[in-house]
């Protein structure tokens, strides 16, 4: 039922991509997702080449299935990471925080599929014109760096604007969200926040606990005044951001507050002054599970929801 164009394009069993979360999405999580039939993703983040290379080498010993490398184009090491992806024959590159335009020809020549993350129709059209293979349309409900449009509004507009497959992201954590994405015309879904609590996710245990304890209003946005909004779970860092923005603090001071804060949370376990990035669906997540169970549960529920609603229509 769920064999979509994305499955055929990426050679995966389920049309689900695991979000590329810096300091979190490593070979352990990515290989577990890939082995379970989805597309596991290693996050490059702001890491130097040797760190990313170690993760690529590790995942090759943990799975024979396709995986992807997420490249944050604002990283000072982006050129090095693209070179590394080509040298290591990474099958799929997902890009964010910019345009992969200057890399497309080289990646294509190396046989690497390219999937940019977009937050607007204009950017989606520009990415398609570059010759990328698919798009991830990410709504503002997502954790981490976000745009303005909601997933429900963004996804159908992007789908109408391009002819390549579109994956829906932002605010999807269960089969109901997946069913909604497919009804909007998406060929796949990207899930980040729910994989934070996968058994195979090596994020600090306190981070997982904070996600599981989250309520519907726990996910908030910081840094809007800087033009680089980030969604995190409410804590003392958030309150510091709020106070600085209320006082119209200089942009460089606000940005300095966030420097290194994700590592504080994900690696060091500082849940008060670390940036606990998570999406608005955090309040829906109540238990730790294996990546395999997460994927199977999402698609079992998705199928049930779709079939139930088709039956309702048929009964009329």
C-alpha atoms as a PDB file:
ATOM      1  CA  UNK A   1       0.000   0.000   0.000  1.00  0.00           C
ATOM      2  CA  UNK A   2       2.832   2.402   0.760  1.00  0.00           C
ATOM      3  CA  UNK A   3       5.174   1.699  -2.127  1.00  0.00           C
ATOM      4  CA  UNK A   4       5.481   5.247  -3.437  1.00  0.00           C
ATOM      5  CA  UNK A   5       7.764   7.046  -5.866  1.00  0.00           C
ATOM      6  CA  UNK A   6      10.094   7.840  -2.963  1.00  0.00           C
ATOM      7  CA  UNK A   7      10.469   4.123  -2.192  1.00  0.00           C
ATOM      8  CA  UNK A   8      11.417   3.441  -5.791  1.00  0.00           C
ATOM      9  CA  UNK A   9      13.749   6.442  -6.000  1.00  0.00           C
ATOM     10  CA  UNK A  10      15.631   5.665  -2.776  1.00  0.00           C
ATOM     11  CA  UNK A  11      15.279   1.860  -2.822  1.00  0.00           C
ATOM     12  CA  UNK A  12      13.584   1.737   0.585  1.00  0.00           C
ATOM     13  CA  UNK A  13      10.685  -0.326   1.897  1.00  0.00           C
ATOM     14  CA  UNK A  14       8.708   2.379   3.712  1.00  0.00           C
ATOM     15  CA  UNK A  15       8.383   6.002   2.479  1.00  0.00           C
ATOM     16  CA  UNK A  16       9.887   7.465   5.644  1.00  0.00           C
ATOM     17  CA  UNK A  17      13.052   9.500   6.135  1.00  0.00           C
ATOM     18  CA  UNK A  18      14.586   9.967   9.584  1.00  0.00           C
ATOM     19  CA  UNK A  19      15.314  13.620  10.283  1.00  0.00           C
ATOM     20  CA  UNK A  20      18.936  14.732  10.237  1.00  0.00           C
ATOM     21  CA  UNK A  21      19.467  16.115  13.744  1.00  0.00           C
ATOM     22  CA  UNK A  22      22.892  17.590  14.502  1.00  0.00           C
ATOM     23  CA  UNK A  23      24.761  15.970  17.428  1.00  0.00           C
ATOM     24  CA  UNK A  24      22.044  13.283  17.443  1.00  0.00           C
ATOM     25  CA  UNK A  25      21.599  11.534  14.084  1.00  0.00           C
ATOM     26  CA  UNK A  26      24.626   9.251  14.020  1.00  0.00           C
ATOM     27  CA  UNK A  27      25.416   5.858  12.499  1.00  0.00           C
ATOM     28  CA  UNK A  28      23.649   3.990  15.315  1.00  0.00           C
ATOM     29  CA  UNK A  29      20.285   5.646  14.722  1.00  0.00           C
ATOM     30  CA  UNK A  30      20.620   5.914  10.946  1.00  0.00           C
ATOM     31  CA  UNK A  31      21.537   2.249  10.490  1.00  0.00           C
ATOM     32  CA  UNK A  32      18.636   1.140  12.701  1.00  0.00           C
ATOM     33  CA  UNK A  33      16.171   3.157  10.611  1.00  0.00           C
ATOM     34  CA  UNK A  34      17.644   1.887   7.347  1.00  0.00           C
ATOM     35  CA  UNK A  35      17.615  -1.721   8.556  1.00  0.00           C
ATOM     36  CA  UNK A  36      13.958  -1.264   9.496  1.00  0.00           C
ATOM     37  CA  UNK A  37      13.091  -0.268   5.936  1.00  0.00           C
ATOM     38  CA  UNK A  38      13.220   3.525   6.121  1.00  0.00           C
ATOM     39  CA  UNK A  39      15.961   5.943   5.113  1.00  0.00           C
ATOM     40  CA  UNK A  40      18.390   6.555   7.957  1.00  0.00           C
ATOM     41  CA  UNK A  41      20.224   9.877   7.931  1.00  0.00           C
ATOM     42  CA  UNK A  42      23.600  10.888   9.371  1.00  0.00           C
ATOM     43  CA  UNK A  43      23.636  14.589  10.273  1.00  0.00           C
ATOM     44  CA  UNK A  44      26.736  16.548   9.291  1.00  0.00           C
ATOM     45  CA  UNK A  45      25.723  19.654  11.229  1.00  0.00           C
ATOM     46  CA  UNK A  46      28.748  21.878  11.879  1.00  0.00           C
ATOM     47  CA  UNK A  47      31.056  18.896  12.330  1.00  0.00           C
ATOM     48  CA  UNK A  48      34.499  18.730  10.761  1.00  0.00           C
ATOM     49  CA  UNK A  49      35.284  16.227   8.008  1.00  0.00           C
ATOM     50  CA  UNK A  50      36.978  13.599  10.182  1.00  0.00           C
ATOM     51  CA  UNK A  51      33.985  13.386  12.519  1.00  0.00           C
ATOM     52  CA  UNK A  52      31.517  12.844   9.679  1.00  0.00           C
ATOM     53  CA  UNK A  53      33.871  10.427   7.957  1.00  0.00           C
ATOM     54  CA  UNK A  54      33.972   8.243  11.078  1.00  0.00           C
ATOM     55  CA  UNK A  55      30.176   8.025  11.062  1.00  0.00           C
ATOM     56  CA  UNK A  56      30.055   7.124   7.354  1.00  0.00           C
ATOM     57  CA  UNK A  57      32.662   4.408   7.867  1.00  0.00           C
ATOM     58  CA  UNK A  58      30.714   3.092  10.857  1.00  0.00           C
ATOM     59  CA  UNK A  59      27.337   2.926   9.124  1.00  0.00           C
ATOM     60  CA  UNK A  60      28.845   0.860   6.315  1.00  0.00           C
ATOM     61  CA  UNK A  61      29.624  -1.820   8.906  1.00  0.00           C
ATOM     62  CA  UNK A  62      26.100  -1.655  10.372  1.00  0.00           C
ATOM     63  CA  UNK A  63      23.852  -1.822   7.312  1.00  0.00           C
ATOM     64  CA  UNK A  64      23.870  -2.708   3.634  1.00  0.00           C
ATOM     65  CA  UNK A  65      20.714  -0.655   3.070  1.00  0.00           C
ATOM     66  CA  UNK A  66      20.598   2.879   1.593  1.00  0.00           C
ATOM     67  CA  UNK A  67      21.293   5.790   3.930  1.00  0.00           C
ATOM     68  CA  UNK A  68      21.693   9.544   3.549  1.00  0.00           C
ATOM     69  CA  UNK A  69      24.031  12.280   4.716  1.00  0.00           C
ATOM     70  CA  UNK A  70      22.471  15.576   5.779  1.00  0.00           C
ATOM     71  CA  UNK A  71      24.692  18.525   4.844  1.00  0.00           C
ATOM     72  CA  UNK A  72      24.023  21.885   6.470  1.00  0.00           C
ATOM     73  CA  UNK A  73      25.158  24.313   3.804  1.00  0.00           C
ATOM     74  CA  UNK A  74      25.806  27.131   6.296  1.00  0.00           C
ATOM     75  CA  UNK A  75      28.481  25.000   7.945  1.00  0.00           C
ATOM     76  CA  UNK A  76      32.029  26.304   7.428  1.00  0.00           C
ATOM     77  CA  UNK A  77      32.925  22.729   6.472  1.00  0.00           C
ATOM     78  CA  UNK A  78      30.185  22.245   3.852  1.00  0.00           C
ATOM     79  CA  UNK A  79      32.648  22.039   0.940  1.00  0.00           C
ATOM     80  CA  UNK A  80      34.681  19.402   2.789  1.00  0.00           C
ATOM     81  CA  UNK A  81      31.584  17.369   3.622  1.00  0.00           C
ATOM     82  CA  UNK A  82      30.384  17.393   0.009  1.00  0.00           C
ATOM     83  CA  UNK A  83      33.855  16.243  -1.103  1.00  0.00           C
ATOM     84  CA  UNK A  84      33.675  13.504   1.511  1.00  0.00           C
ATOM     85  CA  UNK A  85      30.217  12.368   0.332  1.00  0.00           C
ATOM     86  CA  UNK A  86      31.551  11.970  -3.194  1.00  0.00           C
ATOM     87  CA  UNK A  87      34.734  10.193  -2.102  1.00  0.00           C
ATOM     88  CA  UNK A  88      32.781   7.788   0.126  1.00  0.00           C
ATOM     89  CA  UNK A  89      30.040   7.172  -2.471  1.00  0.00           C
ATOM     90  CA  UNK A  90      27.265   8.205  -0.083  1.00  0.00           C
ATOM     91  CA  UNK A  91      24.079   7.190  -1.921  1.00  0.00           C
ATOM     92  CA  UNK A  92      21.892  10.168  -0.963  1.00  0.00           C
ATOM     93  CA  UNK A  93      22.627  13.721   0.183  1.00  0.00           C
ATOM     94  CA  UNK A  94      19.986  15.815   1.921  1.00  0.00           C
ATOM     95  CA  UNK A  95      20.761  19.522   2.126  1.00  0.00           C
ATOM     96  CA  UNK A  96      19.467  22.282   4.359  1.00  0.00           C
ATOM     97  CA  UNK A  97      20.136  25.926   5.237  1.00  0.00           C
ATOM     98  CA  UNK A  98      20.914  27.088   1.720  1.00  0.00           C
ATOM     99  CA  UNK A  99      21.094  26.086  -1.919  1.00  0.00           C
ATOM    100  CA  UNK A 100      23.153  23.097  -3.106  1.00  0.00           C
ATOM    101  CA  UNK A 101      23.416  24.656  -6.574  1.00  0.00           C
ATOM    102  CA  UNK A 102      27.201  24.703  -6.835  1.00  0.00           C
ATOM    103  CA  UNK A 103      27.383  21.027  -5.851  1.00  0.00           C
ATOM    104  CA  UNK A 104      24.607  19.527  -7.967  1.00  0.00           C
ATOM    105  CA  UNK A 105      26.617  18.660 -11.080  1.00  0.00           C
ATOM    106  CA  UNK A 106      29.390  16.974  -9.097  1.00  0.00           C
ATOM    107  CA  UNK A 107      26.957  15.009  -6.968  1.00  0.00           C
ATOM    108  CA  UNK A 108      24.995  13.923 -10.028  1.00  0.00           C
ATOM    109  CA  UNK A 109      28.168  12.820 -11.813  1.00  0.00           C
ATOM    110  CA  UNK A 110      29.005  10.699  -8.757  1.00  0.00           C
ATOM    111  CA  UNK A 111      25.582   9.039  -8.936  1.00  0.00           C
ATOM    112  CA  UNK A 112      24.414  10.624  -5.675  1.00  0.00           C
ATOM    113  CA  UNK A 113      20.751  11.558  -5.291  1.00  0.00           C
ATOM    114  CA  UNK A 114      20.087  15.064  -3.956  1.00  0.00           C
ATOM    115  CA  UNK A 115      17.118  16.044  -1.783  1.00  0.00           C
ATOM    116  CA  UNK A 116      17.013  19.625  -0.458  1.00  0.00           C
ATOM    117  CA  UNK A 117      14.818  20.722   2.456  1.00  0.00           C
ATOM    118  CA  UNK A 118      12.594  23.671   1.487  1.00  0.00           C
ATOM    119  CA  UNK A 119      10.252  25.963   3.415  1.00  0.00           C
ATOM    120  CA  UNK A 120       8.650  27.875   0.539  1.00  0.00           C
ATOM    121  CA  UNK A 121       7.297  27.414  -2.983  1.00  0.00           C
ATOM    122  CA  UNK A 122       9.873  29.807  -4.436  1.00  0.00           C
ATOM    123  CA  UNK A 123      12.742  27.768  -3.026  1.00  0.00           C
ATOM    124  CA  UNK A 124      11.108  24.523  -4.170  1.00  0.00           C
ATOM    125  CA  UNK A 125      10.883  25.773  -7.758  1.00  0.00           C
ATOM    126  CA  UNK A 126      14.491  26.945  -7.666  1.00  0.00           C
ATOM    127  CA  UNK A 127      15.669  23.569  -6.363  1.00  0.00           C
ATOM    128  CA  UNK A 128      13.746  21.695  -9.069  1.00  0.00           C
ATOM    129  CA  UNK A 129      15.351  23.897 -11.733  1.00  0.00           C
ATOM    130  CA  UNK A 130      18.765  22.751 -10.468  1.00  0.00           C
ATOM    131  CA  UNK A 131      17.863  19.132 -11.255  1.00  0.00           C
ATOM    132  CA  UNK A 132      17.515  17.716  -7.747  1.00  0.00           C
ATOM    133  CA  UNK A 133      15.774  14.353  -7.349  1.00  0.00           C
ATOM    134  CA  UNK A 134      13.116  15.165  -4.737  1.00  0.00           C
ATOM    135  CA  UNK A 135      12.225  17.734  -2.087  1.00  0.00           C
ATOM    136  CA  UNK A 136      11.464  17.709   1.627  1.00  0.00           C
ATOM    137  CA  UNK A 137       8.842  20.379   2.364  1.00  0.00           C
ATOM    138  CA  UNK A 138       9.241  21.156   6.061  1.00  0.00           C
ATOM    139  CA  UNK A 139       6.611  23.081   7.993  1.00  0.00           C
ATOM    140  CA  UNK A 140       7.125  25.301  10.994  1.00  0.00           C
ATOM    141  CA  UNK A 141       5.916  22.584  13.399  1.00  0.00           C
ATOM    142  CA  UNK A 142       9.337  20.928  13.129  1.00  0.00           C
ATOM    143  CA  UNK A 143      12.051  21.072  15.764  1.00  0.00           C
ATOM    144  CA  UNK A 144      15.254  23.032  15.214  1.00  0.00           C
ATOM    145  CA  UNK A 145      15.566  25.688  12.511  1.00  0.00           C
ATOM    146  CA  UNK A 146      12.161  26.483  11.052  1.00  0.00           C
ATOM    147  CA  UNK A 147      10.322  28.519   8.437  1.00  0.00           C
ATOM    148  CA  UNK A 148       6.956  30.259   8.747  1.00  0.00           C
ATOM    149  CA  UNK A 149       4.451  28.142   6.798  1.00  0.00           C
ATOM    150  CA  UNK A 150       2.717  25.216   8.451  1.00  0.00           C
ATOM    151  CA  UNK A 151       3.072  21.735   6.991  1.00  0.00           C
ATOM    152  CA  UNK A 152      -0.631  21.626   6.094  1.00  0.00           C
ATOM    153  CA  UNK A 153      -0.315  24.852   4.083  1.00  0.00           C
ATOM    154  CA  UNK A 154       3.185  24.327   2.660  1.00  0.00           C
ATOM    155  CA  UNK A 155       3.073  20.749   1.376  1.00  0.00           C
ATOM    156  CA  UNK A 156       0.166  20.996  -1.105  1.00  0.00           C
ATOM    157  CA  UNK A 157       1.453  24.290  -2.488  1.00  0.00           C
ATOM    158  CA  UNK A 158       4.909  22.817  -3.089  1.00  0.00           C
ATOM    159  CA  UNK A 159       3.381  19.703  -4.662  1.00  0.00           C
ATOM    160  CA  UNK A 160       1.337  21.872  -7.035  1.00  0.00           C
ATOM    161  CA  UNK A 161       4.427  23.879  -7.975  1.00  0.00           C
ATOM    162  CA  UNK A 162       6.865  21.069  -8.881  1.00  0.00           C
ATOM    163  CA  UNK A 163       6.866  17.779 -10.770  1.00  0.00           C
ATOM    164  CA  UNK A 164       9.383  15.856  -8.644  1.00  0.00           C
ATOM    165  CA  UNK A 165       8.436  13.805  -5.530  1.00  0.00           C
ATOM    166  CA  UNK A 166       7.766  15.776  -2.345  1.00  0.00           C
ATOM    167  CA  UNK A 167       8.271  14.460   1.199  1.00  0.00           C
ATOM    168  CA  UNK A 168       6.248  16.101   3.987  1.00  0.00           C
ATOM    169  CA  UNK A 169       8.021  17.074   7.220  1.00  0.00           C
ATOM    170  CA  UNK A 170       7.133  18.907  10.400  1.00  0.00           C
ATOM    171  CA  UNK A 171       4.502  17.820  12.911  1.00  0.00           C
ATOM    172  CA  UNK A 172       4.366  14.143  11.912  1.00  0.00           C
ATOM    173  CA  UNK A 173       4.755  11.577  14.686  1.00  0.00           C
ATOM    174  CA  UNK A 174       2.122   8.911  14.105  1.00  0.00           C
ATOM    175  CA  UNK A 175      -0.028   7.217  11.492  1.00  0.00           C
ATOM    176  CA  UNK A 176      -2.639   9.962  11.543  1.00  0.00           C
ATOM    177  CA  UNK A 177      -0.053  12.575  10.628  1.00  0.00           C
ATOM    178  CA  UNK A 178       1.375  10.283   7.955  1.00  0.00           C
ATOM    179  CA  UNK A 179      -2.113   9.701   6.489  1.00  0.00           C
ATOM    180  CA  UNK A 180      -2.713  13.455   6.382  1.00  0.00           C
ATOM    181  CA  UNK A 181       0.578  13.962   4.532  1.00  0.00           C
ATOM    182  CA  UNK A 182      -0.286  11.316   1.944  1.00  0.00           C
ATOM    183  CA  UNK A 183      -3.758  12.817   1.479  1.00  0.00           C
ATOM    184  CA  UNK A 184      -2.070  16.155   0.746  1.00  0.00           C
ATOM    185  CA  UNK A 185      -0.175  14.427  -2.065  1.00  0.00           C
ATOM    186  CA  UNK A 186       3.175  13.772  -0.384  1.00  0.00           C
ATOM    187  CA  UNK A 187       5.119  10.733  -1.578  1.00  0.00           C
ATOM    188  CA  UNK A 188       6.755  10.224   1.789  1.00  0.00           C
ATOM    189  CA  UNK A 189       7.229  11.633   5.283  1.00  0.00           C
ATOM    190  CA  UNK A 190      10.213  12.808   7.293  1.00  0.00           C
ATOM    191  CA  UNK A 191      10.112  12.177  11.045  1.00  0.00           C
ATOM    192  CA  UNK A 192      12.580  13.654  13.508  1.00  0.00           C
ATOM    193  CA  UNK A 193      11.197  14.199  17.000  1.00  0.00           C
ATOM    194  CA  UNK A 194       9.786  10.700  17.443  1.00  0.00           C
ATOM    195  CA  UNK A 195      13.151   9.139  16.595  1.00  0.00           C
ATOM    196  CA  UNK A 196      14.702  11.124  19.453  1.00  0.00           C
ATOM    197  CA  UNK A 197      13.303   8.478  21.785  1.00  0.00           C
ATOM    198  CA  UNK A 198      14.272   5.462  19.694  1.00  0.00           C
ATOM    199  CA  UNK A 199      16.278   2.864  21.615  1.00  0.00           C
ATOM    200  CA  UNK A 200      19.081   3.283  19.068  1.00  0.00           C
ATOM    201  CA  UNK A 201      19.249   7.057  19.452  1.00  0.00           C
ATOM    202  CA  UNK A 202      22.373   7.934  21.439  1.00  0.00           C
ATOM    203  CA  UNK A 203      21.180  11.385  22.570  1.00  0.00           C
ATOM    204  CA  UNK A 204      21.598  11.999  26.329  1.00  0.00           C
ATOM    205  CA  UNK A 205      18.950  10.112  28.370  1.00  0.00           C
ATOM    206  CA  UNK A 206      17.812  13.376  29.988  1.00  0.00           C
ATOM    207  CA  UNK A 207      16.966  14.700  26.504  1.00  0.00           C
ATOM    208  CA  UNK A 208      14.761  11.661  25.840  1.00  0.00           C
ATOM    209  CA  UNK A 209      13.084  12.083  29.213  1.00  0.00           C
ATOM    210  CA  UNK A 210      12.313  15.736  28.486  1.00  0.00           C
ATOM    211  CA  UNK A 211      10.700  14.824  25.168  1.00  0.00           C
ATOM    212  CA  UNK A 212       8.585  12.102  26.776  1.00  0.00           C
ATOM    213  CA  UNK A 213       7.519  14.510  29.558  1.00  0.00           C
ATOM    214  CA  UNK A 214       6.659  17.303  27.104  1.00  0.00           C
ATOM    215  CA  UNK A 215       3.154  18.761  26.884  1.00  0.00           C
ATOM    216  CA  UNK A 216       1.343  20.253  23.909  1.00  0.00           C
ATOM    217  CA  UNK A 217       2.657  23.744  24.734  1.00  0.00           C
ATOM    218  CA  UNK A 218       6.230  22.728  25.608  1.00  0.00           C
ATOM    219  CA  UNK A 219       7.717  23.388  22.159  1.00  0.00           C
ATOM    220  CA  UNK A 220       8.440  27.099  21.713  1.00  0.00           C
ATOM    221  CA  UNK A 221      10.328  29.291  19.248  1.00  0.00           C
ATOM    222  CA  UNK A 222      13.492  31.249  20.048  1.00  0.00           C
ATOM    223  CA  UNK A 223      15.443  33.764  18.020  1.00  0.00           C
ATOM    224  CA  UNK A 224      12.693  35.171  15.793  1.00  0.00           C
ATOM    225  CA  UNK A 225      14.254  38.637  16.076  1.00  0.00           C
ATOM    226  CA  UNK A 226      17.492  37.361  14.545  1.00  0.00           C
ATOM    227  CA  UNK A 227      15.776  35.983  11.439  1.00  0.00           C
ATOM    228  CA  UNK A 228      16.902  32.458  12.373  1.00  0.00           C
ATOM    229  CA  UNK A 229      14.071  31.034  14.513  1.00  0.00           C
ATOM    230  CA  UNK A 230      14.657  27.728  16.289  1.00  0.00           C
ATOM    231  CA  UNK A 231      12.033  25.524  17.970  1.00  0.00           C
ATOM    232  CA  UNK A 232      13.096  24.028  21.314  1.00  0.00           C
ATOM    233  CA  UNK A 233      11.455  22.716  24.464  1.00  0.00           C
ATOM    234  CA  UNK A 234      10.751  25.358  27.087  1.00  0.00           C
ATOM    235  CA  UNK A 235      13.511  25.758  29.704  1.00  0.00           C
ATOM    236  CA  UNK A 236      15.751  28.411  31.267  1.00  0.00           C
ATOM    237  CA  UNK A 237      17.547  28.985  27.962  1.00  0.00           C
ATOM    238  CA  UNK A 238      14.200  29.850  26.371  1.00  0.00           C
ATOM    239  CA  UNK A 239      13.433  32.319  29.139  1.00  0.00           C
ATOM    240  CA  UNK A 240      16.844  33.951  28.653  1.00  0.00           C
ATOM    241  CA  UNK A 241      16.130  34.306  24.937  1.00  0.00           C
ATOM    242  CA  UNK A 242      12.709  35.803  25.666  1.00  0.00           C
ATOM    243  CA  UNK A 243      14.103  38.370  28.101  1.00  0.00           C
ATOM    244  CA  UNK A 244      16.841  39.435  25.702  1.00  0.00           C
ATOM    245  CA  UNK A 245      14.410  39.813  22.822  1.00  0.00           C
ATOM    246  CA  UNK A 246      11.986  41.831  24.962  1.00  0.00           C
ATOM    247  CA  UNK A 247      14.839  44.200  25.814  1.00  0.00           C
ATOM    248  CA  UNK A 248      15.839  44.443  22.113  1.00  0.00           C
ATOM    249  CA  UNK A 249      19.301  43.113  22.849  1.00  0.00           C
ATOM    250  CA  UNK A 250      21.803  43.292  19.953  1.00  0.00           C
ATOM    251  CA  UNK A 251      21.486  40.442  17.474  1.00  0.00           C
ATOM    252  CA  UNK A 252      25.045  39.228  18.035  1.00  0.00           C
ATOM    253  CA  UNK A 253      24.385  38.886  21.784  1.00  0.00           C
ATOM    254  CA  UNK A 254      21.231  36.850  21.159  1.00  0.00           C
ATOM    255  CA  UNK A 255      23.000  34.579  18.681  1.00  0.00           C
ATOM    256  CA  UNK A 256      25.943  34.168  21.059  1.00  0.00           C
ATOM    257  CA  UNK A 257      23.548  32.845  23.704  1.00  0.00           C
ATOM    258  CA  UNK A 258      22.751  29.869  21.469  1.00  0.00           C
ATOM    259  CA  UNK A 259      26.328  29.048  20.491  1.00  0.00           C
ATOM    260  CA  UNK A 260      27.094  25.451  21.446  1.00  0.00           C
ATOM    261  CA  UNK A 261      23.750  25.070  23.216  1.00  0.00           C
ATOM    262  CA  UNK A 262      22.585  22.042  21.204  1.00  0.00           C
ATOM    263  CA  UNK A 263      25.695  20.087  22.202  1.00  0.00           C
ATOM    264  CA  UNK A 264      25.043  21.076  25.825  1.00  0.00           C
ATOM    265  CA  UNK A 265      21.667  19.385  25.632  1.00  0.00           C
ATOM    266  CA  UNK A 266      22.290  16.430  23.312  1.00  0.00           C
ATOM    267  CA  UNK A 267      25.719  15.370  24.581  1.00  0.00           C
ATOM    268  CA  UNK A 268      26.153  16.898  28.041  1.00  0.00           C
ATOM    269  CA  UNK A 269      22.552  16.500  29.186  1.00  0.00           C
ATOM    270  CA  UNK A 270      22.054  20.132  30.255  1.00  0.00           C
ATOM    271  CA  UNK A 271      18.278  20.417  30.036  1.00  0.00           C
ATOM    272  CA  UNK A 272      18.109  23.921  31.509  1.00  0.00           C
ATOM    273  CA  UNK A 273      20.629  25.892  29.482  1.00  0.00           C
ATOM    274  CA  UNK A 274      20.959  23.521  26.512  1.00  0.00           C
ATOM    275  CA  UNK A 275      18.953  23.850  23.307  1.00  0.00           C
ATOM    276  CA  UNK A 276      16.540  20.900  23.491  1.00  0.00           C
ATOM    277  CA  UNK A 277      15.385  20.957  19.887  1.00  0.00           C
ATOM    278  CA  UNK A 278      12.084  19.158  19.301  1.00  0.00           C
ATOM    279  CA  UNK A 279       8.932  19.659  17.292  1.00  0.00           C
ATOM    280  CA  UNK A 280       5.393  20.507  18.346  1.00  0.00           C
ATOM    281  CA  UNK A 281       4.524  16.792  18.306  1.00  0.00           C
ATOM    282  CA  UNK A 282       6.748  16.189  21.362  1.00  0.00           C
ATOM    283  CA  UNK A 283       3.625  16.196  23.528  1.00  0.00           C
ATOM    284  CA  UNK A 284       2.332  13.141  21.631  1.00  0.00           C
ATOM    285  CA  UNK A 285       5.385  10.997  22.370  1.00  0.00           C
ATOM    286  CA  UNK A 286       5.077   8.943  25.550  1.00  0.00           C
ATOM    287  CA  UNK A 287       7.497   6.006  25.336  1.00  0.00           C
ATOM    288  CA  UNK A 288      10.875   4.830  24.107  1.00  0.00           C
ATOM    289  CA  UNK A 289      10.749   2.223  21.328  1.00  0.00           C
ATOM    290  CA  UNK A 290      12.990   0.644  18.711  1.00  0.00           C
ATOM    291  CA  UNK A 291      13.246   2.332  15.320  1.00  0.00           C
ATOM    292  CA  UNK A 292      11.647  -0.747  13.779  1.00  0.00           C
ATOM    293  CA  UNK A 293       8.645  -0.544  16.104  1.00  0.00           C
ATOM    294  CA  UNK A 294       8.262   3.190  15.455  1.00  0.00           C
ATOM    295  CA  UNK A 295       8.185   2.718  11.691  1.00  0.00           C
ATOM    296  CA  UNK A 296       5.871  -0.285  11.743  1.00  0.00           C
ATOM    297  CA  UNK A 297       3.507   1.401  14.204  1.00  0.00           C
ATOM    298  CA  UNK A 298       3.297   4.561  12.073  1.00  0.00           C
ATOM    299  CA  UNK A 299       2.439   2.702   8.889  1.00  0.00           C
ATOM    300  CA  UNK A 300       0.092   0.190  10.500  1.00  0.00           C
ATOM    301  CA  UNK A 301      -1.876   3.075  11.989  1.00  0.00           C
ATOM    302  CA  UNK A 302      -1.659   5.041   8.746  1.00  0.00           C
ATOM    303  CA  UNK A 303      -3.145   2.161   6.770  1.00  0.00           C
ATOM    304  CA  UNK A 304      -5.900   1.711   9.350  1.00  0.00           C
ATOM    305  CA  UNK A 305      -6.807   5.414   9.278  1.00  0.00           C
ATOM    306  CA  UNK A 306      -6.940   5.535   5.488  1.00  0.00           C
ATOM    307  CA  UNK A 307      -8.957   2.335   5.141  1.00  0.00           C
ATOM    308  CA  UNK A 308     -11.376   3.409   7.875  1.00  0.00           C
ATOM    309  CA  UNK A 309     -12.097   6.673   6.107  1.00  0.00           C
ATOM    310  CA  UNK A 310     -12.493   4.991   2.722  1.00  0.00           C
ATOM    311  CA  UNK A 311     -15.024   2.646   4.325  1.00  0.00           C
ATOM    312  CA  UNK A 312     -16.889   5.638   5.725  1.00  0.00           C
ATOM    313  CA  UNK A 313     -17.127   7.121   2.219  1.00  0.00           C
ATOM    314  CA  UNK A 314     -18.165   3.777   0.746  1.00  0.00           C
ATOM    315  CA  UNK A 315     -20.905   3.354   3.352  1.00  0.00           C
ATOM    316  CA  UNK A 316     -22.472   6.595   2.226  1.00  0.00           C
END
